[in-house]
N, C-alpha and C. Protein backbone atom coordinates (compact mmCIF):
# COMPACT_ATOMS: atom_id res chain seq x y z
N MET A 1 5.64 48.54 10.77
CA MET A 1 6.74 48.14 9.92
C MET A 1 7.23 49.33 9.13
N LYS A 2 8.51 49.61 9.19
CA LYS A 2 9.06 50.73 8.45
C LYS A 2 9.26 50.35 6.99
N GLY A 3 8.92 51.26 6.08
CA GLY A 3 9.12 51.00 4.65
C GLY A 3 8.11 50.01 4.12
N SER A 4 8.02 49.94 2.83
CA SER A 4 7.06 49.02 2.23
C SER A 4 7.68 47.64 2.09
N LEU A 5 6.82 46.66 1.89
CA LEU A 5 7.24 45.28 1.72
C LEU A 5 8.12 45.14 0.49
N LEU A 6 7.76 45.80 -0.60
CA LEU A 6 8.52 45.68 -1.84
C LEU A 6 9.93 46.27 -1.70
N LYS A 7 10.09 47.25 -0.82
CA LYS A 7 11.43 47.80 -0.59
C LYS A 7 12.29 46.86 0.23
N LYS A 8 11.66 46.06 1.10
CA LYS A 8 12.41 45.12 1.92
C LYS A 8 12.80 43.86 1.15
N LEU A 9 12.00 43.51 0.15
CA LEU A 9 12.28 42.32 -0.64
C LEU A 9 13.04 42.70 -1.90
N HIS A 10 13.91 41.83 -2.33
CA HIS A 10 14.51 42.03 -3.64
C HIS A 10 14.45 40.69 -4.37
N PHE A 11 14.31 40.76 -5.67
CA PHE A 11 14.08 39.56 -6.45
C PHE A 11 15.16 39.31 -7.49
N ASN A 12 16.21 40.10 -7.48
CA ASN A 12 17.34 39.89 -8.39
C ASN A 12 18.54 39.47 -7.56
N PHE A 13 19.14 38.36 -7.96
CA PHE A 13 20.26 37.80 -7.23
C PHE A 13 21.49 37.84 -8.13
N GLU A 14 22.60 38.31 -7.59
CA GLU A 14 23.85 38.38 -8.34
C GLU A 14 24.97 37.77 -7.51
N PHE A 15 25.71 36.87 -8.15
CA PHE A 15 26.83 36.19 -7.51
C PHE A 15 28.08 36.44 -8.34
N LYS A 16 29.20 36.65 -7.68
CA LYS A 16 30.44 36.92 -8.39
C LYS A 16 31.54 36.03 -7.84
N PHE A 17 32.17 35.28 -8.74
CA PHE A 17 33.27 34.39 -8.38
C PHE A 17 34.51 34.78 -9.17
N GLU A 18 35.68 34.59 -8.58
CA GLU A 18 36.93 34.77 -9.30
C GLU A 18 37.66 33.44 -9.27
N TYR A 19 38.14 33.02 -10.45
CA TYR A 19 38.86 31.76 -10.54
C TYR A 19 40.01 31.90 -11.53
N GLU A 20 41.23 31.80 -11.04
CA GLU A 20 42.45 31.86 -11.85
C GLU A 20 42.43 33.01 -12.86
N GLY A 21 42.13 34.20 -12.37
CA GLY A 21 42.15 35.39 -13.21
C GLY A 21 40.89 35.66 -14.01
N HIS A 22 39.91 34.79 -13.91
CA HIS A 22 38.64 34.98 -14.62
C HIS A 22 37.55 35.40 -13.63
N VAL A 23 36.68 36.29 -14.08
CA VAL A 23 35.55 36.73 -13.28
C VAL A 23 34.30 36.05 -13.82
N ILE A 24 33.64 35.29 -12.95
CA ILE A 24 32.42 34.55 -13.33
C ILE A 24 31.27 35.16 -12.55
N GLU A 25 30.28 35.68 -13.29
CA GLU A 25 29.11 36.28 -12.66
C GLU A 25 27.88 35.47 -13.01
N ALA A 26 27.05 35.23 -12.01
CA ALA A 26 25.80 34.50 -12.20
C ALA A 26 24.67 35.39 -11.71
N ARG A 27 23.64 35.54 -12.53
CA ARG A 27 22.50 36.39 -12.18
C ARG A 27 21.21 35.59 -12.34
N ALA A 28 20.28 35.83 -11.43
CA ALA A 28 18.98 35.17 -11.49
C ALA A 28 17.91 36.16 -11.06
N SER A 29 16.80 36.18 -11.79
CA SER A 29 15.69 37.06 -11.47
C SER A 29 14.52 36.24 -10.94
N GLY A 30 14.04 36.61 -9.78
CA GLY A 30 12.88 35.95 -9.21
C GLY A 30 11.58 36.39 -9.84
N ILE A 31 11.59 37.44 -10.63
CA ILE A 31 10.38 37.93 -11.28
C ILE A 31 10.26 37.38 -12.70
N SER A 32 11.32 37.52 -13.50
CA SER A 32 11.25 37.08 -14.89
C SER A 32 11.75 35.65 -15.08
N ALA A 33 12.35 35.04 -14.05
CA ALA A 33 12.90 33.69 -14.08
C ALA A 33 14.09 33.57 -15.03
N LYS A 34 14.68 34.68 -15.41
CA LYS A 34 15.83 34.66 -16.32
C LYS A 34 17.11 34.44 -15.53
N GLU A 35 17.92 33.52 -16.01
CA GLU A 35 19.22 33.24 -15.42
C GLU A 35 20.29 33.50 -16.48
N GLU A 36 21.39 34.10 -16.05
CA GLU A 36 22.48 34.41 -16.96
C GLU A 36 23.81 34.13 -16.27
N VAL A 37 24.77 33.66 -17.08
CA VAL A 37 26.13 33.43 -16.58
C VAL A 37 27.08 34.18 -17.50
N PHE A 38 27.98 34.97 -16.90
CA PHE A 38 28.96 35.76 -17.65
C PHE A 38 30.36 35.34 -17.23
N VAL A 39 31.24 35.24 -18.19
CA VAL A 39 32.66 35.01 -17.93
C VAL A 39 33.42 36.19 -18.52
N ASP A 40 34.11 36.91 -17.66
CA ASP A 40 34.86 38.10 -18.06
C ASP A 40 33.99 39.08 -18.86
N GLY A 41 32.75 39.24 -18.42
CA GLY A 41 31.82 40.19 -19.03
C GLY A 41 31.07 39.69 -20.24
N GLU A 42 31.35 38.48 -20.71
CA GLU A 42 30.68 37.92 -21.89
C GLU A 42 29.67 36.86 -21.45
N CYS A 43 28.45 36.96 -21.97
CA CYS A 43 27.40 36.01 -21.62
C CYS A 43 27.71 34.64 -22.25
N VAL A 44 27.81 33.61 -21.40
CA VAL A 44 28.10 32.27 -21.89
C VAL A 44 26.91 31.33 -21.75
N SER A 45 25.89 31.75 -21.00
CA SER A 45 24.69 30.93 -20.84
C SER A 45 23.54 31.82 -20.38
N SER A 46 22.36 31.59 -20.96
CA SER A 46 21.19 32.37 -20.59
C SER A 46 19.94 31.53 -20.86
N ARG A 47 19.03 31.53 -19.91
CA ARG A 47 17.75 30.81 -20.09
C ARG A 47 16.76 31.25 -19.03
N ARG A 48 15.51 30.93 -19.26
CA ARG A 48 14.47 31.14 -18.25
C ARG A 48 14.19 29.80 -17.59
N ASN A 49 14.10 29.84 -16.28
CA ASN A 49 13.87 28.62 -15.52
C ASN A 49 12.81 28.89 -14.46
N PHE A 50 11.72 28.12 -14.51
CA PHE A 50 10.65 28.30 -13.53
C PHE A 50 10.70 27.23 -12.44
N GLY A 51 11.74 26.41 -12.45
CA GLY A 51 11.90 25.38 -11.43
C GLY A 51 12.67 25.90 -10.23
N LEU A 52 12.96 24.99 -9.31
CA LEU A 52 13.66 25.36 -8.09
C LEU A 52 15.16 25.14 -8.18
N SER A 53 15.65 24.54 -9.27
CA SER A 53 17.08 24.39 -9.45
C SER A 53 17.41 24.32 -10.93
N SER A 54 18.63 24.69 -11.26
CA SER A 54 19.08 24.60 -12.65
C SER A 54 20.60 24.61 -12.68
N THR A 55 21.13 24.15 -13.80
CA THR A 55 22.57 24.11 -13.98
C THR A 55 22.94 24.68 -15.34
N HIS A 56 23.93 25.53 -15.36
CA HIS A 56 24.47 26.12 -16.59
C HIS A 56 25.88 25.57 -16.77
N GLU A 57 26.17 25.05 -17.93
CA GLU A 57 27.50 24.49 -18.22
C GLU A 57 28.19 25.37 -19.25
N PHE A 58 29.50 25.60 -19.04
CA PHE A 58 30.26 26.44 -19.94
C PHE A 58 31.74 26.07 -19.86
N LEU A 59 32.51 26.55 -20.82
CA LEU A 59 33.94 26.24 -20.89
C LEU A 59 34.78 27.48 -20.62
N ILE A 60 35.88 27.29 -19.89
CA ILE A 60 36.91 28.31 -19.72
C ILE A 60 38.23 27.62 -20.01
N GLU A 61 38.90 28.08 -21.04
CA GLU A 61 40.19 27.53 -21.44
C GLU A 61 40.15 26.00 -21.54
N GLY A 62 39.08 25.47 -22.13
CA GLY A 62 38.95 24.03 -22.35
C GLY A 62 38.47 23.23 -21.16
N GLU A 63 38.26 23.86 -20.00
CA GLU A 63 37.77 23.15 -18.82
C GLU A 63 36.28 23.40 -18.65
N THR A 64 35.56 22.36 -18.26
CA THR A 64 34.11 22.44 -18.10
C THR A 64 33.76 22.94 -16.70
N PHE A 65 33.06 24.07 -16.66
CA PHE A 65 32.56 24.64 -15.41
C PHE A 65 31.05 24.57 -15.41
N LYS A 66 30.49 24.64 -14.22
CA LYS A 66 29.03 24.67 -14.07
C LYS A 66 28.68 25.71 -13.02
N ILE A 67 27.56 26.36 -13.25
CA ILE A 67 26.92 27.19 -12.22
C ILE A 67 25.61 26.48 -11.90
N HIS A 68 25.40 26.21 -10.63
CA HIS A 68 24.17 25.53 -10.21
C HIS A 68 23.40 26.44 -9.26
N PHE A 69 22.15 26.74 -9.62
CA PHE A 69 21.25 27.53 -8.77
C PHE A 69 20.33 26.58 -8.04
N ASP A 70 20.09 26.84 -6.75
CA ASP A 70 19.17 26.04 -5.96
C ASP A 70 18.36 27.00 -5.09
N VAL A 71 17.04 27.01 -5.30
CA VAL A 71 16.15 27.92 -4.58
C VAL A 71 15.48 27.16 -3.45
N GLY A 72 15.52 27.74 -2.25
CA GLY A 72 14.87 27.15 -1.09
C GLY A 72 13.64 27.94 -0.73
N GLY A 73 12.49 27.60 -1.28
CA GLY A 73 11.25 28.31 -0.98
C GLY A 73 10.90 29.33 -2.05
N PHE A 74 9.81 30.05 -1.82
CA PHE A 74 9.37 31.00 -2.83
C PHE A 74 9.52 32.44 -2.34
N LEU A 75 8.50 33.05 -1.78
CA LEU A 75 8.54 34.48 -1.47
C LEU A 75 9.70 34.87 -0.56
N LEU A 76 9.89 34.19 0.52
CA LEU A 76 10.98 34.51 1.44
C LEU A 76 12.15 33.56 1.20
N SER A 77 12.49 33.37 -0.04
CA SER A 77 13.44 32.35 -0.45
C SER A 77 14.89 32.72 -0.18
N THR A 78 15.70 31.68 -0.15
CA THR A 78 17.14 31.80 -0.16
C THR A 78 17.61 31.07 -1.40
N ILE A 79 18.49 31.69 -2.15
CA ILE A 79 19.00 31.05 -3.35
C ILE A 79 20.49 30.78 -3.14
N ARG A 80 20.88 29.54 -3.46
CA ARG A 80 22.28 29.15 -3.34
C ARG A 80 22.85 29.01 -4.74
N CYS A 81 24.07 29.46 -4.92
CA CYS A 81 24.75 29.39 -6.21
C CYS A 81 26.09 28.69 -6.01
N ASP A 82 26.27 27.58 -6.72
CA ASP A 82 27.51 26.82 -6.64
C ASP A 82 28.30 26.99 -7.93
N LEU A 83 29.60 27.21 -7.81
CA LEU A 83 30.51 27.18 -8.95
C LEU A 83 31.23 25.85 -8.89
N LEU A 84 31.12 25.07 -9.97
CA LEU A 84 31.73 23.76 -10.01
C LEU A 84 32.74 23.68 -11.16
N LEU A 85 33.82 23.00 -10.91
CA LEU A 85 34.80 22.65 -11.94
C LEU A 85 34.64 21.16 -12.12
N GLY A 86 34.08 20.77 -13.26
CA GLY A 86 33.69 19.37 -13.45
C GLY A 86 32.55 19.09 -12.49
N ASP A 87 32.74 18.14 -11.57
CA ASP A 87 31.72 17.84 -10.56
C ASP A 87 32.14 18.27 -9.16
N ASP A 88 33.28 18.97 -9.06
CA ASP A 88 33.79 19.42 -7.77
C ASP A 88 33.37 20.86 -7.49
N VAL A 89 32.83 21.09 -6.31
CA VAL A 89 32.41 22.43 -5.92
C VAL A 89 33.65 23.27 -5.61
N VAL A 90 33.77 24.39 -6.32
CA VAL A 90 34.89 25.32 -6.11
C VAL A 90 34.51 26.34 -5.04
N ARG A 91 33.28 26.85 -5.13
CA ARG A 91 32.83 27.88 -4.19
C ARG A 91 31.30 27.92 -4.18
N THR A 92 30.73 28.26 -3.04
CA THR A 92 29.29 28.38 -2.87
C THR A 92 28.97 29.70 -2.20
N GLU A 93 27.93 30.37 -2.70
CA GLU A 93 27.42 31.59 -2.06
C GLU A 93 25.91 31.47 -1.98
N SER A 94 25.32 32.17 -1.03
CA SER A 94 23.86 32.19 -0.95
C SER A 94 23.39 33.59 -0.58
N GLN A 95 22.16 33.89 -1.00
CA GLN A 95 21.53 35.18 -0.70
C GLN A 95 20.08 34.94 -0.35
N SER A 96 19.54 35.84 0.43
CA SER A 96 18.14 35.79 0.81
C SER A 96 17.38 36.88 0.08
N SER A 97 16.09 36.65 -0.13
CA SER A 97 15.28 37.68 -0.78
C SER A 97 15.01 38.85 0.16
N LEU A 98 15.26 38.67 1.45
CA LEU A 98 15.14 39.78 2.40
C LEU A 98 16.47 40.52 2.44
N LYS A 99 16.44 41.83 2.29
CA LYS A 99 17.66 42.65 2.31
C LYS A 99 18.13 42.85 3.74
N GLY A 100 18.50 41.87 4.41
CA GLY A 100 18.89 42.01 5.81
C GLY A 100 17.92 41.18 6.64
N GLN A 101 18.45 40.31 7.43
CA GLN A 101 17.62 39.35 8.16
C GLN A 101 16.96 39.96 9.40
N LYS A 102 17.42 41.12 9.86
CA LYS A 102 16.87 41.72 11.06
C LYS A 102 15.39 42.03 10.85
N GLY A 103 14.57 41.52 11.72
CA GLY A 103 13.14 41.80 11.65
C GLY A 103 12.38 40.91 10.68
N SER A 104 12.99 39.84 10.18
CA SER A 104 12.29 38.99 9.22
C SER A 104 11.11 38.27 9.86
N TRP A 105 11.17 37.97 11.15
CA TRP A 105 10.04 37.32 11.81
C TRP A 105 8.83 38.25 11.83
N LYS A 106 9.06 39.57 11.91
CA LYS A 106 7.95 40.52 11.87
C LYS A 106 7.27 40.50 10.51
N LEU A 107 8.06 40.36 9.45
CA LEU A 107 7.51 40.30 8.11
C LEU A 107 6.67 39.04 7.93
N ILE A 108 7.16 37.91 8.41
CA ILE A 108 6.42 36.65 8.30
C ILE A 108 5.13 36.74 9.11
N LEU A 109 5.19 37.30 10.30
CA LEU A 109 3.99 37.47 11.13
C LEU A 109 2.98 38.40 10.44
N SER A 110 3.48 39.45 9.80
CA SER A 110 2.59 40.37 9.07
C SER A 110 1.87 39.64 7.94
N PHE A 111 2.58 38.81 7.18
CA PHE A 111 1.94 38.02 6.12
C PHE A 111 0.85 37.13 6.70
N PHE A 112 1.13 36.49 7.83
CA PHE A 112 0.17 35.60 8.46
C PHE A 112 -1.09 36.36 8.88
N VAL A 113 -0.91 37.50 9.53
CA VAL A 113 -2.05 38.30 10.00
C VAL A 113 -2.88 38.82 8.81
N ILE A 114 -2.22 39.30 7.78
CA ILE A 114 -2.93 39.78 6.58
C ILE A 114 -3.72 38.65 5.94
N GLY A 115 -3.10 37.47 5.83
CA GLY A 115 -3.78 36.31 5.26
C GLY A 115 -4.97 35.87 6.10
N LEU A 116 -4.80 35.90 7.41
CA LEU A 116 -5.88 35.54 8.32
C LEU A 116 -7.06 36.51 8.18
N ALA A 117 -6.77 37.80 8.15
CA ALA A 117 -7.82 38.81 8.01
C ALA A 117 -8.51 38.69 6.65
N ALA A 118 -7.73 38.51 5.57
CA ALA A 118 -8.32 38.38 4.24
C ALA A 118 -9.22 37.14 4.15
N GLY A 119 -8.80 36.04 4.74
CA GLY A 119 -9.61 34.82 4.75
C GLY A 119 -10.90 35.01 5.52
N PHE A 120 -10.82 35.65 6.69
CA PHE A 120 -12.00 35.89 7.51
C PHE A 120 -13.01 36.78 6.78
N LEU A 121 -12.51 37.89 6.21
CA LEU A 121 -13.40 38.82 5.50
C LEU A 121 -14.00 38.18 4.25
N SER A 122 -13.24 37.35 3.56
CA SER A 122 -13.77 36.66 2.37
C SER A 122 -14.87 35.68 2.76
N ALA A 123 -14.69 34.98 3.85
CA ALA A 123 -15.72 34.03 4.31
C ALA A 123 -16.98 34.78 4.74
N LYS A 124 -16.81 35.88 5.46
CA LYS A 124 -17.97 36.68 5.87
C LYS A 124 -18.74 37.19 4.65
N LEU A 125 -18.00 37.71 3.65
CA LEU A 125 -18.63 38.23 2.45
C LEU A 125 -19.35 37.14 1.69
N ALA A 126 -18.75 35.98 1.58
CA ALA A 126 -19.38 34.85 0.88
C ALA A 126 -20.65 34.42 1.59
N LEU A 127 -20.63 34.34 2.92
CA LEU A 127 -21.83 33.96 3.68
C LEU A 127 -22.93 35.02 3.53
N TRP A 128 -22.55 36.28 3.54
CA TRP A 128 -23.52 37.36 3.40
C TRP A 128 -24.16 37.33 2.01
N LEU A 129 -23.36 37.11 0.95
CA LEU A 129 -23.88 37.08 -0.41
C LEU A 129 -24.74 35.86 -0.68
N LEU A 130 -24.38 34.72 -0.10
CA LEU A 130 -25.12 33.47 -0.34
C LEU A 130 -26.30 33.30 0.61
N GLY A 131 -26.37 34.12 1.60
CA GLY A 131 -27.51 34.11 2.51
C GLY A 131 -27.34 33.18 3.60
């Protein structure tokens, strides 16, 4: 495998939407669990969320908007970000924690083999120590 695992994975997700002259940015960190929503460069919502989904509500010119994050899985996750006006979806984007899907099956297979080897060696060591 070329490069390290940490270089292939990224844990910060950034989404950018434009709506009627306004720039709406949504950011989520897979490490610190911090989520932030910016409208025209100003933070309008910020919180830490350790769940698999969350919703941020904010106003633009008197209209209620929402940013909804939905995480599908953990380490090799895909995060979906919806921009809603009221309850209607205006736009949806998604990103994967893998920086490019090419070769992702090799990464998953590598995790499996490493886990299998670690489990085998741990069992051998436990049997040797316990007699």
